[in-house]
Amino acid sequence: MDDKNMQLPDNVPASENTGSSPRISIEPSQPEAQAQAGQAPQQPGAQAAYQQPGAYQVGATAQQPHAQPTPQHAASMPATATVDTRTVVKTKTKKLPVFLASLSGLVVGAVLVIALVMTGALNIGETNVEAPALSDSGTSGTQTIQIDAEDTTLAEAVAAKALPSVVSISAVNERSGEGGIGSGVILDTDGNVLTNHHVIEGATTIYVEVNEESYEAELVGADASSDLAVVKIKDIDKGQLTPIEVGDSNDITVGEWVMAIGSPFGNEQSVSTGIVSALYRSTALRGTSGTSIYANMIQTDAAINPGNSGGALVNAEGQLIGINSVIESYSGSSSGVGFAIPANYAINIANQIIAGETPAHPYIGVTVTSVNAFTAREQGLSVSEGAVVTSVNADSPAEEAGLQPDDIVTAVDGESIASADGLIIAAREHEIGETITLTVVRGDETFDVEVVLGSDAELQEENQDGTTGDSSGSLMDEDEFRQYLDDLMANR
């Protein structure tokens, strides 16, 4: 069986299977006179309607396997059959009450529509959709799109509003000749574009495509640990830029309709739709520049494929609620499980980068490594999973809370953690200044410690990491595994 991996989508469209369910109709028996005339009453043949699952391309979705329906053949009926007589009772509806009820419904509906129109809650004929700029650059970045409310679907309206704000990014390393294609979101009329760090990582030249024109861009700054970066388009007329409208990612719910926009496999300006599948998904992925922490991500079944990275996840209002970043897949293509960094977090990091500040994250102030069964047995630890503190930073929240080297953190706010990465992710799921409760094992003693999360900005400037960890301890190499088995056999 293939392994399922969390992957960064850097560069086939999902197929959606359609099918129709069999419809069963029950017909009344033929009149009794037909049987008396020597005719066999007609029996409806059993029919099975099924449709082969078809696939159609939708921007970026991955084919999902579906079981083939089993066709059923019509059963042959005998020439003669016993006639069952049935009593059919027909109900007669009085026309006057139905007419009065219908008339009342029409009057109430008309009054409601008139009230909505007069209050401005409902515009009939056309709708104006506005997306304000995010910066005061002197040039208005507001877009006004005329939409025919009668002839436009929700997906068409959202695409018309959000597509101009999503660009394709080509990142090239001229020394190695390597490169890739990702996506980005226009933040303001100054030309700042938000994307994933892994889209532009290692690039010496960056190009952004806007309105089918390619422009060179420069890197403003990046936060590798959050997998976010900002690039700025050079030499472009500000009137060509359409900043995206930013929504509140804290205000979304599971089941909410969403659209993913980006450049899957290099196909610019592609959209796919779906729903919010889940919230608060977290993971850590290792890259060439270190470990990226993805906390509180939005899970969606809108297709996200290689090339969608850095693109927009928008709601039914065409507002940005997430930056598409990660997929979970057996094949490397969309399997309907994609993840986006919440917009509130991403925009906060972007604003710090644009302001020339070092992006700050919540931190505990410890260096940790993971516990596994082998290290627990070798070192005589009382637990077989968790995060072992190897050092405590001076004047850090951890030191103030009384944490010591060799302490083992097994839970955060009552939620068990299995590795060093788990502790770091748990810290990133909170805000700077929040208080978290760590469950700590020290020797044979287990107790809780409250830690007020600090900011790692100063430590980053000193090229340190406020809460670092090595999760490799959670895995055993071949020699460790053999030794572990030998020890088990010797002490069985």
Protein backbone atom coordinates (compact mmCIF):
# COMPACT_ATOMS: atom_id res chain seq x y z
CA MET A 1 0.00 0.00 0.00
CA ASP A 2 1.30 3.43 -0.88
CA ASP A 3 2.12 5.74 1.95
CA LYS A 4 -0.05 8.76 2.49
CA ASN A 5 2.01 11.90 2.76
CA MET A 6 1.46 15.52 3.58
CA GLN A 7 2.90 17.40 0.62
CA LEU A 8 3.57 20.93 -0.52
CA PRO A 9 1.74 21.53 -3.83
CA ASP A 10 4.32 23.40 -5.91
CA ASN A 11 3.43 22.95 -9.52
CA VAL A 12 -4.65 16.47 -12.14
CA PRO A 13 -7.34 18.35 -12.07
CA ALA A 14 -9.76 16.55 -9.87
CA SER A 15 -12.24 14.48 -11.49
CA GLU A 16 -15.60 14.39 -9.95
CA ASN A 17 -17.76 11.38 -10.53
CA THR A 18 -21.34 11.93 -11.40
CA GLY A 19 -24.03 9.35 -11.29
CA SER A 20 -27.76 9.02 -11.05
CA SER A 21 -29.54 6.86 -8.50
CA PRO A 22 -32.08 4.33 -9.82
CA ARG A 23 -35.61 5.66 -9.70
CA ILE A 24 -38.34 3.15 -8.89
CA SER A 25 -41.90 3.77 -10.02
CA ILE A 26 -44.87 1.75 -8.80
CA GLU A 27 -47.73 1.42 -11.30
CA PRO A 28 -51.31 0.46 -10.34
CA SER A 29 -52.63 -2.93 -11.50
CA GLN A 30 -54.68 -3.12 -14.71
CA PRO A 31 -58.48 -3.09 -14.38
CA GLU A 32 -60.09 -6.34 -13.41
CA ALA A 33 -61.93 -6.40 -16.72
CA GLN A 34 -58.64 -6.92 -18.49
CA ALA A 35 -58.08 -10.15 -16.60
CA GLN A 36 -61.60 -11.31 -17.39
CA ALA A 37 -61.00 -10.72 -21.08
CA GLY A 38 -58.22 -13.29 -20.96
CA GLN A 39 -55.38 -10.81 -20.94
CA ALA A 40 -52.64 -11.19 -18.44
CA PRO A 41 -52.28 -8.10 -16.34
CA GLN A 42 -49.24 -6.14 -17.28
CA GLN A 43 -46.45 -6.31 -14.72
CA PRO A 44 -43.78 -3.66 -14.75
CA GLY A 45 -40.39 -5.12 -15.52
CA ALA A 46 -37.72 -4.58 -12.89
CA GLN A 47 -35.33 -2.07 -14.32
CA ALA A 48 -31.96 -0.95 -13.05
CA ALA A 49 -30.63 2.35 -14.21
CA TYR A 50 -27.00 3.09 -13.59
CA GLN A 51 -24.42 5.40 -14.97
CA GLN A 52 -20.73 4.76 -15.35
CA PRO A 53 -18.80 7.21 -13.21
CA GLY A 54 -17.64 9.94 -15.51
CA ALA A 55 -14.76 12.35 -14.95
CA TYR A 56 -14.65 15.99 -15.85
CA GLN A 57 -11.88 18.43 -15.27
CA VAL A 58 -12.51 21.14 -12.69
CA GLY A 59 -9.54 23.46 -12.35
CA ALA A 60 -7.66 21.22 -9.99
CA THR A 61 -9.20 18.11 -8.53
CA ALA A 62 -7.97 14.58 -8.19
CA GLN A 63 -9.79 11.50 -9.40
CA GLN A 64 -11.57 9.61 -6.66
CA PRO A 65 -12.17 5.89 -7.11
CA HIS A 66 -15.79 4.85 -6.99
CA ALA A 67 -17.24 1.37 -6.93
CA GLN A 68 -19.00 0.42 -10.16
CA PRO A 69 -22.71 -0.11 -9.73
CA THR A 70 -23.93 -3.61 -10.57
CA PRO A 71 -26.44 -3.65 -13.43
CA GLN A 72 -29.58 -5.66 -12.88
CA HIS A 73 -31.46 -7.40 -15.70
CA ALA A 74 -35.21 -7.19 -16.11
CA ALA A 75 -36.95 -10.31 -14.84
CA SER A 76 -39.16 -12.26 -17.25
CA MET A 77 -42.79 -12.34 -16.18
CA PRO A 78 -45.18 -15.31 -16.71
CA ALA A 79 -47.86 -15.07 -19.36
CA THR A 80 -50.65 -15.35 -16.79
CA ALA A 81 -50.88 -14.18 -13.23
CA THR A 82 -53.43 -13.98 -10.47
CA VAL A 83 -55.08 -10.59 -10.38
CA ASP A 84 -55.10 -8.86 -7.01
CA THR A 85 -57.91 -6.42 -6.64
CA ARG A 86 -57.10 -3.17 -4.91
CA THR A 87 -59.27 -0.51 -3.44
CA VAL A 88 -58.07 2.95 -4.41
CA VAL A 89 -59.30 5.82 -2.33
CA LYS A 90 -58.94 9.19 -4.07
CA THR A 91 -58.77 12.29 -1.98
CA LYS A 92 -60.31 15.42 -3.26
CA THR A 93 -58.86 18.73 -2.27
CA LYS A 94 -61.19 21.60 -1.79
CA LYS A 95 -60.24 24.28 -4.26
CA LEU A 96 -61.27 27.41 -2.35
CA PRO A 97 -59.00 26.95 0.70
CA VAL A 98 -56.04 26.11 -1.55
CA PHE A 99 -56.67 29.21 -3.66
CA LEU A 100 -56.89 31.43 -0.59
CA ALA A 101 -53.69 29.93 0.89
CA SER A 102 -51.80 30.40 -2.38
CA LEU A 103 -53.01 33.98 -2.72
CA SER A 104 -51.94 34.75 0.85
CA GLY A 105 -48.48 33.27 0.20
CA LEU A 106 -48.04 35.39 -2.93
CA VAL A 107 -49.01 38.57 -1.10
CA VAL A 108 -46.63 37.88 1.81
CA GLY A 109 -43.79 37.02 -0.59
CA ALA A 110 -44.32 40.18 -2.62
CA VAL A 111 -44.31 42.34 0.51
CA LEU A 112 -41.07 40.67 1.69
CA VAL A 113 -39.31 41.21 -1.65
CA ILE A 114 -40.39 44.89 -1.74
CA ALA A 115 -39.11 45.38 1.80
CA LEU A 116 -35.71 43.82 0.96
CA VAL A 117 -35.35 45.95 -2.16
CA MET A 118 -36.26 49.18 -0.33
CA THR A 119 -33.77 48.48 2.47
CA GLY A 120 -31.02 47.69 -0.03
CA ALA A 121 -30.61 44.11 1.17
CA LEU A 122 -31.65 42.83 -2.23
CA ASN A 123 -30.65 44.35 -5.56
CA ILE A 124 -32.59 43.09 -8.54
CA GLY A 125 -31.05 43.37 -11.97
CA GLU A 126 -27.40 43.87 -11.11
CA THR A 127 -25.11 43.73 -8.12
CA ASN A 128 -22.02 45.80 -7.35
CA VAL A 129 -19.21 43.85 -5.67
CA GLU A 130 -16.45 45.95 -4.15
CA ALA A 131 -13.02 44.87 -2.94
CA PRO A 132 -11.15 47.63 -1.08
CA ALA A 133 -7.40 48.06 -1.23
CA LEU A 134 -5.34 47.17 1.82
CA SER A 135 -2.88 50.05 1.71
CA ASP A 136 -3.01 53.81 1.40
CA SER A 137 -0.87 54.12 -1.69
CA GLY A 138 -2.55 57.19 -3.12
CA THR A 139 -4.24 55.18 -5.84
CA SER A 140 -7.65 53.69 -5.27
CA GLY A 141 -7.51 49.90 -5.41
CA THR A 142 -11.25 49.37 -5.13
CA GLN A 143 -12.75 47.20 -7.83
CA THR A 144 -16.40 47.42 -8.79
CA ILE A 145 -17.78 44.50 -10.78
CA GLN A 146 -21.20 44.62 -12.39
CA ILE A 147 -22.97 41.29 -11.93
CA ASP A 148 -26.32 40.30 -13.40
CA ALA A 149 -28.04 38.72 -10.41
CA GLU A 150 -30.45 36.76 -12.58
CA ASP A 151 -27.95 35.22 -15.00
CA THR A 152 -24.90 34.73 -12.75
CA THR A 153 -24.25 31.75 -10.48
CA LEU A 154 -22.48 32.05 -7.15
CA ALA A 155 -19.28 30.50 -8.51
CA GLU A 156 -19.26 32.88 -11.49
CA ALA A 157 -19.77 35.91 -9.28
CA VAL A 158 -17.03 34.90 -6.83
CA ALA A 159 -14.61 34.05 -9.63
CA ALA A 160 -15.26 37.39 -11.36
CA LYS A 161 -14.43 39.21 -8.14
CA ALA A 162 -11.44 37.23 -6.86
CA LEU A 163 -9.63 36.05 -10.01
CA PRO A 164 -8.04 39.45 -10.82
CA SER A 165 -6.39 39.40 -7.38
CA VAL A 166 -4.64 36.03 -7.79
CA VAL A 167 -1.43 35.81 -9.83
CA SER A 168 0.93 33.16 -11.11
CA ILE A 169 4.51 33.21 -9.78
CA SER A 170 7.51 31.70 -11.55
CA ALA A 171 10.61 31.26 -9.40
CA VAL A 172 13.92 30.41 -11.07
CA ASN A 173 17.36 29.65 -9.69
CA GLU A 174 19.59 30.74 -12.53
CA ARG A 175 22.66 29.08 -11.03
CA SER A 176 21.12 25.63 -10.87
CA GLY A 177 18.61 26.09 -13.66
CA GLU A 178 15.83 24.84 -11.41
CA GLY A 179 12.51 26.53 -10.95
CA GLY A 180 8.84 26.10 -10.33
CA ILE A 181 5.45 27.73 -10.61
CA GLY A 182 3.19 28.72 -7.77
CA SER A 183 0.54 31.30 -7.02
CA GLY A 184 0.20 34.52 -5.07
CA VAL A 185 -2.37 37.01 -3.81
CA ILE A 186 -2.21 40.77 -4.49
CA LEU A 187 -2.35 42.59 -1.15
CA ASP A 188 -2.24 46.26 -2.18
CA THR A 189 -1.68 48.68 -5.04
CA ASP A 190 1.99 49.02 -4.08
CA GLY A 191 2.51 45.63 -5.72
CA ASN A 192 3.00 43.48 -2.61
CA VAL A 193 2.02 39.86 -3.24
CA LEU A 194 1.61 37.21 -0.52
CA THR A 195 2.68 33.65 -1.31
CA ASN A 196 4.22 30.56 0.29
CA HIS A 197 7.89 30.57 1.20
CA HIS A 198 8.40 27.22 -0.51
CA VAL A 199 7.21 28.76 -3.80
CA ILE A 200 10.12 31.23 -3.98
CA GLU A 201 12.66 29.38 -1.82
CA GLY A 202 16.11 29.39 -3.41
CA ALA A 203 15.03 31.57 -6.35
CA THR A 204 17.38 34.15 -7.82
CA THR A 205 14.77 35.56 -10.19
CA ILE A 206 11.03 35.87 -9.58
CA TYR A 207 8.36 36.69 -12.18
CA VAL A 208 4.72 37.51 -11.53
CA GLU A 209 2.08 37.27 -14.24
CA VAL A 210 -0.64 39.93 -14.07
CA ASN A 211 -3.30 40.28 -16.76
CA GLU A 212 -1.32 37.93 -19.03
CA GLU A 213 1.77 40.16 -18.71
CA SER A 214 4.93 39.01 -16.94
CA TYR A 215 6.71 41.34 -14.51
CA GLU A 216 9.88 40.85 -12.52
CA ALA A 217 9.47 40.92 -8.75
CA GLU A 218 11.76 41.26 -5.76
CA LEU A 219 11.63 39.44 -2.45
CA VAL A 220 10.45 41.72 0.34
CA GLY A 221 10.86 39.14 3.07
CA ALA A 222 9.96 35.65 4.18
CA ASP A 223 9.09 33.66 7.28
CA ALA A 224 10.25 30.13 6.57
CA SER A 225 8.86 28.74 9.82
CA SER A 226 5.35 29.86 8.80
CA ASP A 227 5.92 29.07 5.09
CA LEU A 228 4.94 32.61 4.08
CA ALA A 229 6.67 35.22 1.94
CA VAL A 230 5.98 38.58 0.32
CA VAL A 231 7.28 39.66 -3.10
CA LYS A 232 6.85 43.05 -4.73
CA ILE A 233 6.14 43.54 -8.42
CA LYS A 234 8.50 45.93 -10.20
CA ASP A 235 7.65 48.52 -12.85
CA ILE A 236 3.90 47.98 -13.01
CA ASP A 237 1.14 50.55 -13.33
CA LYS A 238 -0.80 50.57 -10.06
CA GLY A 239 -4.01 50.66 -12.05
CA GLN A 240 -3.23 47.13 -13.20
CA LEU A 241 -3.40 45.81 -9.66
CA THR A 242 -6.56 44.57 -7.99
CA PRO A 243 -6.01 43.95 -4.26
CA ILE A 244 -7.98 41.10 -2.76
CA GLU A 245 -10.61 41.72 -0.12
CA VAL A 246 -9.65 40.01 3.12
CA GLY A 247 -12.26 38.21 5.19
CA ASP A 248 -12.20 37.00 8.79
CA SER A 249 -10.84 33.46 8.95
CA ASN A 250 -12.02 33.21 12.55
CA ASP A 251 -15.60 33.51 11.31
CA ILE A 252 -15.72 30.44 9.06
CA THR A 253 -17.57 27.21 9.79
CA VAL A 254 -17.32 23.58 8.72
CA GLY A 255 -19.49 23.02 5.66
CA GLU A 256 -19.10 26.57 4.37
CA TRP A 257 -18.77 26.97 0.59
CA VAL A 258 -15.28 27.96 -0.62
CA MET A 259 -13.34 28.44 -3.86
CA ALA A 260 -9.63 27.73 -4.40
CA ILE A 261 -7.85 29.91 -6.97
CA GLY A 262 -4.36 29.45 -8.37
CA SER A 263 -2.17 27.92 -11.05
CA PRO A 264 -2.38 24.13 -10.73
CA PHE A 265 0.29 22.51 -12.88
CA GLY A 266 1.00 25.96 -14.34
CA ASN A 267 -2.56 26.51 -15.55
CA GLU A 268 -3.05 30.13 -14.50
CA GLN A 269 -6.34 31.55 -13.27
CA SER A 270 -7.90 28.20 -12.43
CA VAL A 271 -10.68 27.78 -9.88
CA SER A 272 -12.14 24.83 -8.01
CA THR A 273 -14.95 24.76 -5.50
CA GLY A 274 -15.75 22.78 -2.39
CA ILE A 275 -16.49 23.25 1.27
CA VAL A 276 -14.60 23.72 4.51
CA SER A 277 -14.05 20.11 5.56
CA ALA A 278 -12.54 20.77 8.99
CA LEU A 279 -10.80 23.43 11.07
CA TYR A 280 -7.76 23.61 13.35
CA ARG A 281 -5.63 21.03 11.56
CA SER A 282 -1.94 21.29 12.44
CA THR A 283 1.26 19.66 11.23
CA ALA A 284 4.97 20.27 10.75
CA LEU A 285 6.87 19.68 7.51
CA ARG A 286 10.64 19.67 7.11
CA GLY A 287 12.24 21.51 4.21
CA THR A 288 15.70 22.57 3.12
CA SER A 289 15.53 25.72 5.26
CA GLY A 290 14.14 24.04 8.38
CA THR A 291 10.79 22.99 9.74
CA SER A 292 7.63 24.84 8.76
CA ILE A 293 4.87 24.85 11.35
CA TYR A 294 1.33 24.77 10.00
CA ALA A 295 -1.04 25.51 12.88
CA ASN A 296 -4.83 25.77 12.91
CA MET A 297 -5.10 25.18 9.17
CA ILE A 298 -8.33 25.13 7.21
CA GLN A 299 -9.06 21.77 5.59
CA THR A 300 -11.00 21.82 2.33
CA ASP A 301 -12.07 19.41 -0.39
CA ALA A 302 -11.74 22.13 -3.04
CA ALA A 303 -9.02 20.75 -5.30
CA ILE A 304 -5.51 21.96 -4.45
CA ASN A 305 -2.74 20.68 -6.71
CA PRO A 306 0.95 21.46 -7.35
CA GLY A 307 1.00 25.09 -8.47
CA ASN A 308 -1.87 26.14 -6.19
CA SER A 309 0.59 26.91 -3.40
CA GLY A 310 0.31 30.54 -2.35
CA GLY A 311 -3.06 30.96 -4.03
CA ALA A 312 -6.29 32.10 -2.47
CA LEU A 313 -9.02 30.24 -0.64
CA VAL A 314 -12.04 32.54 -0.72
CA ASN A 315 -15.52 32.41 0.75
CA ALA A 316 -18.91 33.01 -0.88
CA GLU A 317 -18.30 36.76 -0.67
CA GLY A 318 -15.07 36.46 -2.66
CA GLN A 319 -13.06 37.34 0.45
CA LEU A 320 -9.68 35.82 1.24
CA ILE A 321 -9.91 33.38 4.15
CA GLY A 322 -6.79 31.26 3.53
CA ILE A 323 -3.54 30.75 1.63
CA ASN A 324 -3.52 27.32 -0.04
CA SER A 325 -0.36 25.53 1.07
CA VAL A 326 -0.45 21.77 1.71
CA ILE A 327 -2.13 18.65 0.35
CA GLU A 328 -2.45 15.17 1.79
CA SER A 329 -2.22 12.65 -0.99
CA TYR A 330 -1.14 9.15 -1.98
CA SER A 331 -0.33 10.25 -5.53
CA GLY A 332 0.96 13.80 -5.20
CA SER A 333 -2.19 15.19 -6.78
CA SER A 334 -5.35 16.33 -5.08
CA SER A 335 -7.28 13.68 -3.22
CA GLY A 336 -9.79 16.09 -1.79
CA VAL A 337 -7.75 16.79 1.36
CA GLY A 338 -6.07 20.17 1.09
CA PHE A 339 -5.05 22.73 3.69
CA ALA A 340 -4.83 26.52 3.77
CA ILE A 341 -3.10 28.83 6.24
CA PRO A 342 -5.81 31.00 7.86
CA ALA A 343 -5.92 34.51 6.39
CA ASN A 344 -5.83 36.26 9.77
CA TYR A 345 -2.50 34.64 10.61
CA ALA A 346 -1.07 35.01 7.09
CA ILE A 347 -1.98 38.70 6.77
CA ASN A 348 -0.49 39.40 10.20
CA ILE A 349 2.83 37.85 9.14
CA ALA A 350 2.68 39.67 5.79
CA ASN A 351 2.11 43.05 7.45
CA GLN A 352 5.15 42.48 9.68
CA ILE A 353 7.27 41.59 6.65
CA ILE A 354 6.09 44.63 4.66
CA ALA A 355 6.82 46.88 7.66
CA GLY A 356 10.39 45.56 7.76
CA GLU A 357 9.87 43.76 11.05
CA THR A 358 10.96 40.27 12.02
CA PRO A 359 7.82 38.09 12.17
CA ALA A 360 7.19 37.07 15.76
CA HIS A 361 5.81 33.75 16.96
CA PRO A 362 4.78 32.45 20.37
CA TYR A 363 7.57 30.51 22.05
CA ILE A 364 8.29 28.65 25.27
CA GLY A 365 12.06 28.99 25.38
CA VAL A 366 13.30 25.41 25.41
CA THR A 367 15.18 23.02 23.18
CA VAL A 368 13.49 19.64 23.05
CA THR A 369 13.87 16.22 21.48
CA SER A 370 11.34 13.45 21.06
CA VAL A 371 10.88 10.40 23.22
CA ASN A 372 10.41 6.98 21.64
CA ALA A 373 10.21 3.46 23.00
CA PHE A 374 13.94 2.86 22.50
CA THR A 375 15.16 6.05 24.20
CA ALA A 376 12.65 5.57 27.00
CA ARG A 377 13.97 2.06 27.67
CA GLU A 378 17.62 3.01 27.24
CA GLN A 379 17.39 6.00 29.58
CA GLY A 380 14.94 4.45 32.00
CA LEU A 381 12.24 7.01 31.32
CA SER A 382 8.80 6.53 32.82
CA VAL A 383 6.97 7.48 29.58
CA SER A 384 7.44 6.32 26.00
CA GLU A 385 6.39 9.45 24.16
CA GLY A 386 6.56 13.20 24.62
CA ALA A 387 9.14 15.98 24.35
CA VAL A 388 12.29 15.87 26.49
CA VAL A 389 13.74 19.25 27.48
CA THR A 390 17.46 19.29 26.65
CA SER A 391 18.07 22.96 27.52
CA VAL A 392 16.21 25.98 28.81
CA ASN A 393 16.88 29.49 27.46
CA ALA A 394 17.85 32.14 29.97
CA ASP A 395 15.16 34.67 30.87
CA SER A 396 12.63 32.69 28.87
CA PRO A 397 9.02 31.82 29.74
CA ALA A 398 10.20 28.25 30.38
CA GLU A 399 12.77 29.39 32.92
CA GLU A 400 10.25 31.61 34.65
CA ALA A 401 7.84 28.65 34.83
CA GLY A 402 10.52 26.46 36.43
CA LEU A 403 11.14 23.98 33.62
CA GLN A 404 14.41 22.07 33.86
CA PRO A 405 16.55 19.92 31.53
CA ASP A 406 15.37 16.29 31.38
CA ASP A 407 11.77 17.30 32.08
CA ILE A 408 9.40 15.47 29.75
CA VAL A 409 6.40 17.42 28.45
CA THR A 410 3.57 14.98 27.75
CA ALA A 411 0.57 17.27 27.25
CA VAL A 412 -0.44 20.86 26.51
CA ASP A 413 -3.74 22.05 27.97
CA GLY A 414 -4.69 18.43 28.59
CA GLU A 415 -4.01 17.33 24.99
CA SER A 416 -1.33 14.64 24.71
CA ILE A 417 1.73 15.32 22.60
CA ALA A 418 3.95 12.59 21.17
CA SER A 419 7.01 14.46 19.92
CA ALA A 420 9.07 17.62 19.92
CA ASP A 421 7.19 18.87 16.87
CA GLY A 422 3.96 18.33 18.75
CA LEU A 423 5.07 20.73 21.48
CA ILE A 424 6.14 23.38 18.96
CA ILE A 425 2.85 23.07 17.03
CA ALA A 426 0.87 23.34 20.25
CA ALA A 427 2.67 26.58 21.10
CA ARG A 428 2.04 28.01 17.62
CA GLU A 429 -1.68 27.32 17.98
CA HIS A 430 -1.80 30.11 20.57
CA GLU A 431 -1.06 33.83 20.60
CA ILE A 432 1.85 35.65 22.16
CA GLY A 433 0.94 36.49 25.75
CA GLU A 434 -1.48 33.58 26.22
CA THR A 435 -1.03 31.16 29.10
CA ILE A 436 -0.79 27.44 28.42
CA THR A 437 -0.60 24.53 30.84
CA LEU A 438 2.13 21.93 30.34
CA THR A 439 1.93 18.47 31.88
CA VAL A 440 5.48 17.61 32.95
CA VAL A 441 7.07 14.35 34.08
CA ARG A 442 10.15 14.82 36.26
CA GLY A 443 11.50 11.53 37.52
CA ASP A 444 8.60 9.73 39.17
CA GLU A 445 6.62 12.94 39.63
CA THR A 446 3.95 14.31 37.28
CA PHE A 447 2.69 17.88 37.63
CA ASP A 448 1.28 20.82 35.67
CA VAL A 449 3.15 24.03 34.89
CA GLU A 450 1.64 27.25 33.54
CA VAL A 451 3.70 29.06 30.92
CA VAL A 452 3.02 32.56 29.55
CA LEU A 453 4.05 32.43 25.88
CA GLY A 454 6.63 34.99 24.84
CA SER A 455 7.78 36.42 21.49
CA ASP A 456 10.71 34.97 19.59
CA ALA A 457 11.43 38.13 17.55
CA GLU A 458 14.63 39.04 19.41
CA LEU A 459 15.88 35.47 19.34
CA GLN A 460 15.32 35.29 15.59
CA GLU A 461 17.41 38.40 15.12
CA GLU A 462 20.16 36.61 17.03
CA ASN A 463 19.68 33.56 14.75
CA GLN A 464 18.26 31.51 17.58
CA ASP A 465 15.02 29.64 17.87
CA GLY A 466 12.85 30.22 20.91
CA THR A 467 11.40 26.72 20.97
CA THR A 468 13.42 24.27 18.93
CA GLY A 469 12.98 20.58 18.61
CA ASP A 470 14.27 17.48 16.95
CA SER A 471 11.55 14.98 16.22
CA SER A 472 14.04 12.43 14.89
CA GLY A 473 14.05 10.92 18.35
CA SER A 474 10.53 9.71 17.73
CA LEU A 475 11.84 7.37 15.05
CA MET A 476 14.39 4.58 15.37
CA ASP A 477 17.07 3.75 12.83
CA GLU A 478 17.80 0.10 12.01
CA ASP A 479 20.52 -0.33 14.62
CA GLU A 480 18.37 1.19 17.36
CA PHE A 481 15.46 -1.02 16.39
CA ARG A 482 17.59 -4.19 16.48
CA GLN A 483 19.01 -3.20 19.85
CA TYR A 484 15.51 -2.51 21.11
CA LEU A 485 14.38 -5.98 20.02
CA ASP A 486 17.45 -7.62 21.61
CA ASP A 487 16.74 -5.86 24.89
CA LEU A 488 13.13 -6.97 24.79
CA MET A 489 14.11 -10.59 24.16
CA ALA A 490 16.74 -10.54 26.91
CA ASN A 491 14.25 -9.25 29.47
CA ARG A 492 11.12 -11.05 28.44
